mmCIF file of all heavy atoms, coordinates in Angstrom:
data_MODEL
# 
_entry.id   MODEL 
# 
loop_
_atom_site.group_PDB 
_atom_site.id 
_atom_site.type_symbol 
_atom_site.label_atom_id 
_atom_site.label_alt_id 
_atom_site.label_comp_id 
_atom_site.label_asym_id 
_atom_site.label_entity_id 
_atom_site.label_seq_id 
_atom_site.pdbx_PDB_ins_code 
_atom_site.Cartn_x 
_atom_site.Cartn_y 
_atom_site.Cartn_z 
_atom_site.occupancy 
_atom_site.B_iso_or_equiv 
_atom_site.pdbx_formal_charge 
_atom_site.auth_seq_id 
_atom_site.auth_comp_id 
_atom_site.auth_asym_id 
_atom_site.auth_atom_id 
_atom_site.pdbx_PDB_model_num 
ATOM 1   N N   . GLY A 1 1  ? 0.803  -1.207 0.000   1.00 0.00 ? 1  GLY A N   1 
ATOM 2   C CA  . GLY A 1 1  ? 0.000  0.000  0.000   1.00 0.00 ? 1  GLY A CA  1 
ATOM 3   C C   . GLY A 1 1  ? 0.840  1.263  0.000   1.00 0.00 ? 1  GLY A C   1 
ATOM 4   O O   . GLY A 1 1  ? 1.897  1.318  0.627   1.00 0.00 ? 1  GLY A O   1 
ATOM 5   N N   . ARG A 1 2  ? 0.358  2.272  -0.688  1.00 0.00 ? 2  ARG A N   1 
ATOM 6   C CA  . ARG A 1 2  ? 1.071  3.539  -0.778  1.00 0.00 ? 2  ARG A CA  1 
ATOM 7   C C   . ARG A 1 2  ? 0.095  4.689  -0.573  1.00 0.00 ? 2  ARG A C   1 
ATOM 8   O O   . ARG A 1 2  ? -1.082 4.594  -0.896  1.00 0.00 ? 2  ARG A O   1 
ATOM 9   C CB  . ARG A 1 2  ? 1.755  3.683  -2.153  1.00 0.00 ? 2  ARG A CB  1 
ATOM 10  C CG  . ARG A 1 2  ? 2.913  2.707  -2.377  1.00 0.00 ? 2  ARG A CG  1 
ATOM 11  C CD  . ARG A 1 2  ? 4.054  3.024  -1.410  1.00 0.00 ? 2  ARG A CD  1 
ATOM 12  N NE  . ARG A 1 2  ? 5.221  2.173  -1.599  1.00 0.00 ? 2  ARG A NE  1 
ATOM 13  C CZ  . ARG A 1 2  ? 5.463  1.080  -0.891  1.00 0.00 ? 2  ARG A CZ  1 
ATOM 14  N NH1 . ARG A 1 2  ? 4.599  0.683  0.018   1.00 0.00 ? 2  ARG A NH1 1 
ATOM 15  N NH2 . ARG A 1 2  ? 6.552  0.377  -1.092  1.00 0.00 ? 2  ARG A NH2 1 
ATOM 16  N N   . TYR A 1 3  ? 0.618  5.807  -0.071  1.00 0.00 ? 3  TYR A N   1 
ATOM 17  C CA  . TYR A 1 3  ? -0.198 6.995  0.150   1.00 0.00 ? 3  TYR A CA  1 
ATOM 18  C C   . TYR A 1 3  ? 0.029  7.989  -0.985  1.00 0.00 ? 3  TYR A C   1 
ATOM 19  O O   . TYR A 1 3  ? -0.668 7.968  -1.977  1.00 0.00 ? 3  TYR A O   1 
ATOM 20  C CB  . TYR A 1 3  ? 0.139  7.610  1.511   1.00 0.00 ? 3  TYR A CB  1 
ATOM 21  C CG  . TYR A 1 3  ? -0.134 6.669  2.649   1.00 0.00 ? 3  TYR A CG  1 
ATOM 22  C CD1 . TYR A 1 3  ? 0.873  5.898  3.205   1.00 0.00 ? 3  TYR A CD1 1 
ATOM 23  C CD2 . TYR A 1 3  ? -1.425 6.526  3.154   1.00 0.00 ? 3  TYR A CD2 1 
ATOM 24  C CE1 . TYR A 1 3  ? 0.620  5.018  4.244   1.00 0.00 ? 3  TYR A CE1 1 
ATOM 25  C CE2 . TYR A 1 3  ? -1.697 5.648  4.194   1.00 0.00 ? 3  TYR A CE2 1 
ATOM 26  C CZ  . TYR A 1 3  ? -0.660 4.889  4.739   1.00 0.00 ? 3  TYR A CZ  1 
ATOM 27  O OH  . TYR A 1 3  ? -0.922 4.028  5.755   1.00 0.00 ? 3  TYR A OH  1 
ATOM 28  N N   . SER A 1 4  ? 1.031  8.853  -0.856  1.00 0.00 ? 4  SER A N   1 
ATOM 29  C CA  . SER A 1 4  ? 1.323  9.780  -1.941  1.00 0.00 ? 4  SER A CA  1 
ATOM 30  C C   . SER A 1 4  ? 1.834  9.002  -3.140  1.00 0.00 ? 4  SER A C   1 
ATOM 31  O O   . SER A 1 4  ? 2.455  7.947  -3.000  1.00 0.00 ? 4  SER A O   1 
ATOM 32  C CB  . SER A 1 4  ? 2.375  10.801 -1.495  1.00 0.00 ? 4  SER A CB  1 
ATOM 33  O OG  . SER A 1 4  ? 1.864  11.608 -0.463  1.00 0.00 ? 4  SER A OG  1 
ATOM 34  N N   . ALA A 1 5  ? 1.597  9.537  -4.329  1.00 0.00 ? 5  ALA A N   1 
ATOM 35  C CA  . ALA A 1 5  ? 1.918  8.756  -5.508  1.00 0.00 ? 5  ALA A CA  1 
ATOM 36  C C   . ALA A 1 5  ? 2.213  9.641  -6.703  1.00 0.00 ? 5  ALA A C   1 
ATOM 37  O O   . ALA A 1 5  ? 1.655  10.714 -6.858  1.00 0.00 ? 5  ALA A O   1 
ATOM 38  C CB  . ALA A 1 5  ? 0.766  7.814  -5.842  1.00 0.00 ? 5  ALA A CB  1 
ATOM 39  N N   . GLY A 1 6  ? 3.113  9.159  -7.551  1.00 0.00 ? 6  GLY A N   1 
ATOM 40  C CA  . GLY A 1 6  ? 3.350  9.720  -8.867  1.00 0.00 ? 6  GLY A CA  1 
ATOM 41  C C   . GLY A 1 6  ? 3.300  8.591  -9.867  1.00 0.00 ? 6  GLY A C   1 
ATOM 42  O O   . GLY A 1 6  ? 3.776  7.480  -9.589  1.00 0.00 ? 6  GLY A O   1 
ATOM 43  N N   . LEU A 1 7  ? 2.725  8.828  -11.040 1.00 0.00 ? 7  LEU A N   1 
ATOM 44  C CA  . LEU A 1 7  ? 2.498  7.747  -11.991 1.00 0.00 ? 7  LEU A CA  1 
ATOM 45  C C   . LEU A 1 7  ? 2.779  8.251  -13.397 1.00 0.00 ? 7  LEU A C   1 
ATOM 46  O O   . LEU A 1 7  ? 2.400  9.365  -13.749 1.00 0.00 ? 7  LEU A O   1 
ATOM 47  C CB  . LEU A 1 7  ? 1.042  7.280  -11.881 1.00 0.00 ? 7  LEU A CB  1 
ATOM 48  C CG  . LEU A 1 7  ? 0.625  5.982  -12.558 1.00 0.00 ? 7  LEU A CG  1 
ATOM 49  C CD1 . LEU A 1 7  ? 1.292  4.793  -11.876 1.00 0.00 ? 7  LEU A CD1 1 
ATOM 50  C CD2 . LEU A 1 7  ? -0.893 5.830  -12.511 1.00 0.00 ? 7  LEU A CD2 1 
ATOM 51  N N   . ALA A 1 8  ? 3.467  7.433  -14.207 1.00 0.00 ? 8  ALA A N   1 
ATOM 52  C CA  . ALA A 1 8  ? 3.733  7.763  -15.605 1.00 0.00 ? 8  ALA A CA  1 
ATOM 53  C C   . ALA A 1 8  ? 3.901  6.467  -16.372 1.00 0.00 ? 8  ALA A C   1 
ATOM 54  O O   . ALA A 1 8  ? 4.155  5.402  -15.793 1.00 0.00 ? 8  ALA A O   1 
ATOM 55  C CB  . ALA A 1 8  ? 4.986  8.639  -15.741 1.00 0.00 ? 8  ALA A CB  1 
ATOM 56  N N   . ALA A 1 9  ? 3.774  6.537  -17.703 1.00 0.00 ? 9  ALA A N   1 
ATOM 57  C CA  . ALA A 1 9  ? 3.867  5.325  -18.514 1.00 0.00 ? 9  ALA A CA  1 
ATOM 58  C C   . ALA A 1 9  ? 4.369  5.664  -19.910 1.00 0.00 ? 9  ALA A C   1 
ATOM 59  O O   . ALA A 1 9  ? 4.164  6.777  -20.410 1.00 0.00 ? 9  ALA A O   1 
ATOM 60  C CB  . ALA A 1 9  ? 2.510  4.630  -18.607 1.00 0.00 ? 9  ALA A CB  1 
ATOM 61  N N   . ASN A 1 10 ? 5.041  4.705  -20.533 1.00 0.00 ? 10 ASN A N   1 
ATOM 62  C CA  . ASN A 1 10 ? 5.336  4.775  -21.961 1.00 0.00 ? 10 ASN A CA  1 
ATOM 63  C C   . ASN A 1 10 ? 4.813  3.486  -22.600 1.00 0.00 ? 10 ASN A C   1 
ATOM 64  O O   . ASN A 1 10 ? 4.034  2.763  -21.986 1.00 0.00 ? 10 ASN A O   1 
ATOM 65  C CB  . ASN A 1 10 ? 6.831  4.998  -22.210 1.00 0.00 ? 10 ASN A CB  1 
ATOM 66  C CG  . ASN A 1 10 ? 7.712  3.900  -21.630 1.00 0.00 ? 10 ASN A CG  1 
ATOM 67  O OD1 . ASN A 1 10 ? 7.246  2.807  -21.292 1.00 0.00 ? 10 ASN A OD1 1 
ATOM 68  N ND2 . ASN A 1 10 ? 9.006  4.194  -21.490 1.00 0.00 ? 10 ASN A ND2 1 
ATOM 69  N N   . ASP A 1 11 ? 5.234  3.189  -23.818 1.00 0.00 ? 11 ASP A N   1 
ATOM 70  C CA  . ASP A 1 11 ? 4.687  2.015  -24.502 1.00 0.00 ? 11 ASP A CA  1 
ATOM 71  C C   . ASP A 1 11 ? 5.318  0.705  -24.054 1.00 0.00 ? 11 ASP A C   1 
ATOM 72  O O   . ASP A 1 11 ? 4.992  -0.355 -24.586 1.00 0.00 ? 11 ASP A O   1 
ATOM 73  C CB  . ASP A 1 11 ? 4.816  2.173  -26.016 1.00 0.00 ? 11 ASP A CB  1 
ATOM 74  C CG  . ASP A 1 11 ? 6.255  2.382  -26.460 1.00 0.00 ? 11 ASP A CG  1 
ATOM 75  O OD1 . ASP A 1 11 ? 7.178  2.364  -25.600 1.00 0.00 ? 11 ASP A OD1 1 
ATOM 76  O OD2 . ASP A 1 11 ? 6.477  2.578  -27.665 1.00 0.00 ? 11 ASP A OD2 1 
ATOM 77  N N   . ARG A 1 12 ? 6.193  0.753  -23.047 1.00 0.00 ? 12 ARG A N   1 
ATOM 78  C CA  . ARG A 1 12 ? 6.839  -0.455 -22.556 1.00 0.00 ? 12 ARG A CA  1 
ATOM 79  C C   . ARG A 1 12 ? 6.575  -0.729 -21.087 1.00 0.00 ? 12 ARG A C   1 
ATOM 80  O O   . ARG A 1 12 ? 6.553  -1.875 -20.664 1.00 0.00 ? 12 ARG A O   1 
ATOM 81  C CB  . ARG A 1 12 ? 8.363  -0.388 -22.779 1.00 0.00 ? 12 ARG A CB  1 
ATOM 82  C CG  . ARG A 1 12 ? 8.791  -0.241 -24.219 1.00 0.00 ? 12 ARG A CG  1 
ATOM 83  C CD  . ARG A 1 12 ? 10.297 -0.305 -24.359 1.00 0.00 ? 12 ARG A CD  1 
ATOM 84  N NE  . ARG A 1 12 ? 10.976 0.585  -23.415 1.00 0.00 ? 12 ARG A NE  1 
ATOM 85  C CZ  . ARG A 1 12 ? 11.151 1.904  -23.626 1.00 0.00 ? 12 ARG A CZ  1 
ATOM 86  N NH1 . ARG A 1 12 ? 10.675 2.458  -24.721 1.00 0.00 ? 12 ARG A NH1 1 
ATOM 87  N NH2 . ARG A 1 12 ? 11.785 2.635  -22.744 1.00 0.00 ? 12 ARG A NH2 1 
ATOM 88  N N   . GLN A 1 13 ? 6.416  0.334  -20.277 1.00 0.00 ? 13 GLN A N   1 
ATOM 89  C CA  . GLN A 1 13 ? 6.324  0.125  -18.843 1.00 0.00 ? 13 GLN A CA  1 
ATOM 90  C C   . GLN A 1 13 ? 5.575  1.261  -18.152 1.00 0.00 ? 13 GLN A C   1 
ATOM 91  O O   . GLN A 1 13 ? 5.408  2.342  -18.710 1.00 0.00 ? 13 GLN A O   1 
ATOM 92  C CB  . GLN A 1 13 ? 7.724  0.009  -18.230 1.00 0.00 ? 13 GLN A CB  1 
ATOM 93  C CG  . GLN A 1 13 ? 8.593  1.239  -18.438 1.00 0.00 ? 13 GLN A CG  1 
ATOM 94  C CD  . GLN A 1 13 ? 10.034 1.002  -18.039 1.00 0.00 ? 13 GLN A CD  1 
ATOM 95  O OE1 . GLN A 1 13 ? 10.417 -0.089 -17.640 1.00 0.00 ? 13 GLN A OE1 1 
ATOM 96  N NE2 . GLN A 1 13 ? 10.847 2.028  -18.131 1.00 0.00 ? 13 GLN A NE2 1 
ATOM 97  N N   . VAL A 1 14 ? 5.119  0.938  -16.949 1.00 0.00 ? 14 VAL A N   1 
ATOM 98  C CA  . VAL A 1 14 ? 4.485  1.919  -16.068 1.00 0.00 ? 14 VAL A CA  1 
ATOM 99  C C   . VAL A 1 14 ? 5.436  2.159  -14.902 1.00 0.00 ? 14 VAL A C   1 
ATOM 100 O O   . VAL A 1 14 ? 5.982  1.204  -14.332 1.00 0.00 ? 14 VAL A O   1 
ATOM 101 C CB  . VAL A 1 14 ? 3.135  1.406  -15.550 1.00 0.00 ? 14 VAL A CB  1 
ATOM 102 C CG1 . VAL A 1 14 ? 2.488  2.426  -14.614 1.00 0.00 ? 14 VAL A CG1 1 
ATOM 103 C CG2 . VAL A 1 14 ? 2.211  1.081  -16.713 1.00 0.00 ? 14 VAL A CG2 1 
ATOM 104 N N   . VAL A 1 15 ? 5.635  3.417  -14.543 1.00 0.00 ? 15 VAL A N   1 
ATOM 105 C CA  . VAL A 1 15 ? 6.503  3.782  -13.426 1.00 0.00 ? 15 VAL A CA  1 
ATOM 106 C C   . VAL A 1 15 ? 5.652  4.400  -12.328 1.00 0.00 ? 15 VAL A C   1 
ATOM 107 O O   . VAL A 1 15 ? 4.845  5.303  -12.596 1.00 0.00 ? 15 VAL A O   1 
ATOM 108 C CB  . VAL A 1 15 ? 7.601  4.767  -13.871 1.00 0.00 ? 15 VAL A CB  1 
ATOM 109 C CG1 . VAL A 1 15 ? 8.440  5.214  -12.679 1.00 0.00 ? 15 VAL A CG1 1 
ATOM 110 C CG2 . VAL A 1 15 ? 8.485  4.124  -14.924 1.00 0.00 ? 15 VAL A CG2 1 
ATOM 111 N N   . PHE A 1 16 ? 5.824  3.902  -11.117 1.00 0.00 ? 16 PHE A N   1 
ATOM 112 C CA  . PHE A 1 16 ? 5.063  4.383  -9.965  1.00 0.00 ? 16 PHE A CA  1 
ATOM 113 C C   . PHE A 1 16 ? 6.032  4.828  -8.880  1.00 0.00 ? 16 PHE A C   1 
ATOM 114 O O   . PHE A 1 16 ? 6.920  4.074  -8.479  1.00 0.00 ? 16 PHE A O   1 
ATOM 115 C CB  . PHE A 1 16 ? 4.160  3.271  -9.445  1.00 0.00 ? 16 PHE A CB  1 
ATOM 116 C CG  . PHE A 1 16 ? 3.358  3.648  -8.227  1.00 0.00 ? 16 PHE A CG  1 
ATOM 117 C CD1 . PHE A 1 16 ? 2.139  4.296  -8.362  1.00 0.00 ? 16 PHE A CD1 1 
ATOM 118 C CD2 . PHE A 1 16 ? 3.810  3.359  -6.957  1.00 0.00 ? 16 PHE A CD2 1 
ATOM 119 C CE1 . PHE A 1 16 ? 1.395  4.651  -7.250  1.00 0.00 ? 16 PHE A CE1 1 
ATOM 120 C CE2 . PHE A 1 16 ? 3.078  3.696  -5.841  1.00 0.00 ? 16 PHE A CE2 1 
ATOM 121 C CZ  . PHE A 1 16 ? 1.861  4.342  -5.983  1.00 0.00 ? 16 PHE A CZ  1 
ATOM 122 N N   . LEU A 1 17 ? 5.882  6.057  -8.412  1.00 0.00 ? 17 LEU A N   1 
ATOM 123 C CA  . LEU A 1 17 ? 6.625  6.548  -7.263  1.00 0.00 ? 17 LEU A CA  1 
ATOM 124 C C   . LEU A 1 17 ? 5.660  6.662  -6.105  1.00 0.00 ? 17 LEU A C   1 
ATOM 125 O O   . LEU A 1 17 ? 4.637  7.345  -6.210  1.00 0.00 ? 17 LEU A O   1 
ATOM 126 C CB  . LEU A 1 17 ? 7.247  7.923  -7.534  1.00 0.00 ? 17 LEU A CB  1 
ATOM 127 C CG  . LEU A 1 17 ? 8.634  7.933  -8.192  1.00 0.00 ? 17 LEU A CG  1 
ATOM 128 C CD1 . LEU A 1 17 ? 8.540  7.442  -9.624  1.00 0.00 ? 17 LEU A CD1 1 
ATOM 129 C CD2 . LEU A 1 17 ? 9.221  9.331  -8.158  1.00 0.00 ? 17 LEU A CD2 1 
ATOM 130 N N   . GLY A 1 18 ? 5.941  5.991  -5.003  1.00 0.00 ? 18 GLY A N   1 
ATOM 131 C CA  . GLY A 1 18 ? 5.025  6.009  -3.879  1.00 0.00 ? 18 GLY A CA  1 
ATOM 132 C C   . GLY A 1 18 ? 5.755  6.041  -2.562  1.00 0.00 ? 18 GLY A C   1 
ATOM 133 O O   . GLY A 1 18 ? 6.967  5.829  -2.492  1.00 0.00 ? 18 GLY A O   1 
ATOM 134 N N   . GLY A 1 19 ? 5.014  6.331  -1.509  1.00 0.00 ? 19 GLY A N   1 
ATOM 135 C CA  . GLY A 1 19 ? 5.582  6.348  -0.169  1.00 0.00 ? 19 GLY A CA  1 
ATOM 136 C C   . GLY A 1 19 ? 4.643  5.683  0.811   1.00 0.00 ? 19 GLY A C   1 
ATOM 137 O O   . GLY A 1 19 ? 3.430  5.694  0.634   1.00 0.00 ? 19 GLY A O   1 
ATOM 138 N N   . ASP A 1 20 ? 5.211  5.087  1.870   1.00 0.00 ? 20 ASP A N   1 
ATOM 139 C CA  . ASP A 1 20 ? 4.388  4.401  2.855   1.00 0.00 ? 20 ASP A CA  1 
ATOM 140 C C   . ASP A 1 20 ? 4.343  5.136  4.183   1.00 0.00 ? 20 ASP A C   1 
ATOM 141 O O   . ASP A 1 20 ? 3.888  4.590  5.181   1.00 0.00 ? 20 ASP A O   1 
ATOM 142 C CB  . ASP A 1 20 ? 4.868  2.963  3.060   1.00 0.00 ? 20 ASP A CB  1 
ATOM 143 C CG  . ASP A 1 20 ? 6.333  2.891  3.481   1.00 0.00 ? 20 ASP A CG  1 
ATOM 144 O OD1 . ASP A 1 20 ? 6.935  3.952  3.732   1.00 0.00 ? 20 ASP A OD1 1 
ATOM 145 O OD2 . ASP A 1 20 ? 6.850  1.770  3.559   1.00 0.00 ? 20 ASP A OD2 1 
ATOM 146 N N   . ASP A 1 21 ? 4.798  6.384  4.208   1.00 0.00 ? 21 ASP A N   1 
ATOM 147 C CA  . ASP A 1 21 ? 4.782  7.194  5.415   1.00 0.00 ? 21 ASP A CA  1 
ATOM 148 C C   . ASP A 1 21 ? 3.691  8.246  5.268   1.00 0.00 ? 21 ASP A C   1 
ATOM 149 O O   . ASP A 1 21 ? 3.866  9.258  4.588   1.00 0.00 ? 21 ASP A O   1 
ATOM 150 C CB  . ASP A 1 21 ? 6.144  7.860  5.637   1.00 0.00 ? 21 ASP A CB  1 
ATOM 151 C CG  . ASP A 1 21 ? 6.228  8.592  6.969   1.00 0.00 ? 21 ASP A CG  1 
ATOM 152 O OD1 . ASP A 1 21 ? 5.177  8.998  7.499   1.00 0.00 ? 21 ASP A OD1 1 
ATOM 153 O OD2 . ASP A 1 21 ? 7.338  8.764  7.483   1.00 0.00 ? 21 ASP A OD2 1 
ATOM 154 N N   . VAL A 1 22 ? 2.548  8.024  5.903   1.00 0.00 ? 22 VAL A N   1 
ATOM 155 C CA  . VAL A 1 22 ? 1.418  8.926  5.704   1.00 0.00 ? 22 VAL A CA  1 
ATOM 156 C C   . VAL A 1 22 ? 1.648  10.299 6.312   1.00 0.00 ? 22 VAL A C   1 
ATOM 157 O O   . VAL A 1 22 ? 1.117  11.297 5.856   1.00 0.00 ? 22 VAL A O   1 
ATOM 158 C CB  . VAL A 1 22 ? 0.124  8.296  6.267   1.00 0.00 ? 22 VAL A CB  1 
ATOM 159 C CG1 . VAL A 1 22 ? 0.179  8.197  7.778   1.00 0.00 ? 22 VAL A CG1 1 
ATOM 160 C CG2 . VAL A 1 22 ? -1.092 9.076  5.829   1.00 0.00 ? 22 VAL A CG2 1 
ATOM 161 N N   . ASP A 1 23 ? 2.458  10.388 7.363   1.00 0.00 ? 23 ASP A N   1 
ATOM 162 C CA  . ASP A 1 23 ? 2.679  11.672 8.006   1.00 0.00 ? 23 ASP A CA  1 
ATOM 163 C C   . ASP A 1 23 ? 3.605  12.569 7.197   1.00 0.00 ? 23 ASP A C   1 
ATOM 164 O O   . ASP A 1 23 ? 3.381  13.770 7.082   1.00 0.00 ? 23 ASP A O   1 
ATOM 165 C CB  . ASP A 1 23 ? 3.248  11.467 9.413   1.00 0.00 ? 23 ASP A CB  1 
ATOM 166 C CG  . ASP A 1 23 ? 2.247  10.762 10.328  1.00 0.00 ? 23 ASP A CG  1 
ATOM 167 O OD1 . ASP A 1 23 ? 1.073  11.166 10.308  1.00 0.00 ? 23 ASP A OD1 1 
ATOM 168 O OD2 . ASP A 1 23 ? 2.641  9.827  11.034  1.00 0.00 ? 23 ASP A OD2 1 
ATOM 169 N N   . ARG A 1 24 ? 4.645  12.002 6.600   1.00 0.00 ? 24 ARG A N   1 
ATOM 170 C CA  . ARG A 1 24 ? 5.557  12.803 5.780   1.00 0.00 ? 24 ARG A CA  1 
ATOM 171 C C   . ARG A 1 24 ? 5.055  12.963 4.356   1.00 0.00 ? 24 ARG A C   1 
ATOM 172 O O   . ARG A 1 24 ? 5.570  13.771 3.600   1.00 0.00 ? 24 ARG A O   1 
ATOM 173 C CB  . ARG A 1 24 ? 6.949  12.143 5.735   1.00 0.00 ? 24 ARG A CB  1 
ATOM 174 C CG  . ARG A 1 24 ? 7.705  12.158 7.024   1.00 0.00 ? 24 ARG A CG  1 
ATOM 175 C CD  . ARG A 1 24 ? 9.164  11.740 6.804   1.00 0.00 ? 24 ARG A CD  1 
ATOM 176 N NE  . ARG A 1 24 ? 9.289  10.471 6.135   1.00 0.00 ? 24 ARG A NE  1 
ATOM 177 C CZ  . ARG A 1 24 ? 9.810  10.298 4.922   1.00 0.00 ? 24 ARG A CZ  1 
ATOM 178 N NH1 . ARG A 1 24 ? 10.226 11.325 4.225   1.00 0.00 ? 24 ARG A NH1 1 
ATOM 179 N NH2 . ARG A 1 24 ? 9.909  9.091  4.402   1.00 0.00 ? 24 ARG A NH2 1 
ATOM 180 N N   . ARG A 1 25 ? 4.035  12.185 3.968   1.00 0.00 ? 25 ARG A N   1 
ATOM 181 C CA  . ARG A 1 25 ? 3.577  12.161 2.585   1.00 0.00 ? 25 ARG A CA  1 
ATOM 182 C C   . ARG A 1 25 ? 4.757  11.895 1.647   1.00 0.00 ? 25 ARG A C   1 
ATOM 183 O O   . ARG A 1 25 ? 4.864  12.465 0.580   1.00 0.00 ? 25 ARG A O   1 
ATOM 184 C CB  . ARG A 1 25 ? 2.897  13.476 2.207   1.00 0.00 ? 25 ARG A CB  1 
ATOM 185 C CG  . ARG A 1 25 ? 1.602  13.736 2.961   1.00 0.00 ? 25 ARG A CG  1 
ATOM 186 C CD  . ARG A 1 25 ? 0.497  12.807 2.448   1.00 0.00 ? 25 ARG A CD  1 
ATOM 187 N NE  . ARG A 1 25 ? -0.786 13.162 3.027   1.00 0.00 ? 25 ARG A NE  1 
ATOM 188 C CZ  . ARG A 1 25 ? -1.286 12.637 4.141   1.00 0.00 ? 25 ARG A CZ  1 
ATOM 189 N NH1 . ARG A 1 25 ? -0.571 11.746 4.802   1.00 0.00 ? 25 ARG A NH1 1 
ATOM 190 N NH2 . ARG A 1 25 ? -2.461 12.984 4.591   1.00 0.00 ? 25 ARG A NH2 1 
ATOM 191 N N   . ALA A 1 26 ? 5.668  11.048 2.071   1.00 0.00 ? 26 ALA A N   1 
ATOM 192 C CA  . ALA A 1 26 ? 6.847  10.768 1.258   1.00 0.00 ? 26 ALA A CA  1 
ATOM 193 C C   . ALA A 1 26 ? 6.464  10.024 -0.010  1.00 0.00 ? 26 ALA A C   1 
ATOM 194 O O   . ALA A 1 26 ? 5.564  9.202  -0.013  1.00 0.00 ? 26 ALA A O   1 
ATOM 195 C CB  . ALA A 1 26 ? 7.866  9.961  2.056   1.00 0.00 ? 26 ALA A CB  1 
# 
């Protein structure tokens, strides 16, 4: 599970940036 998130994709892969610290919103 992740809280804050960044998401992007190209024609080969999906990239997800996430954090599991809800207080820092990392």
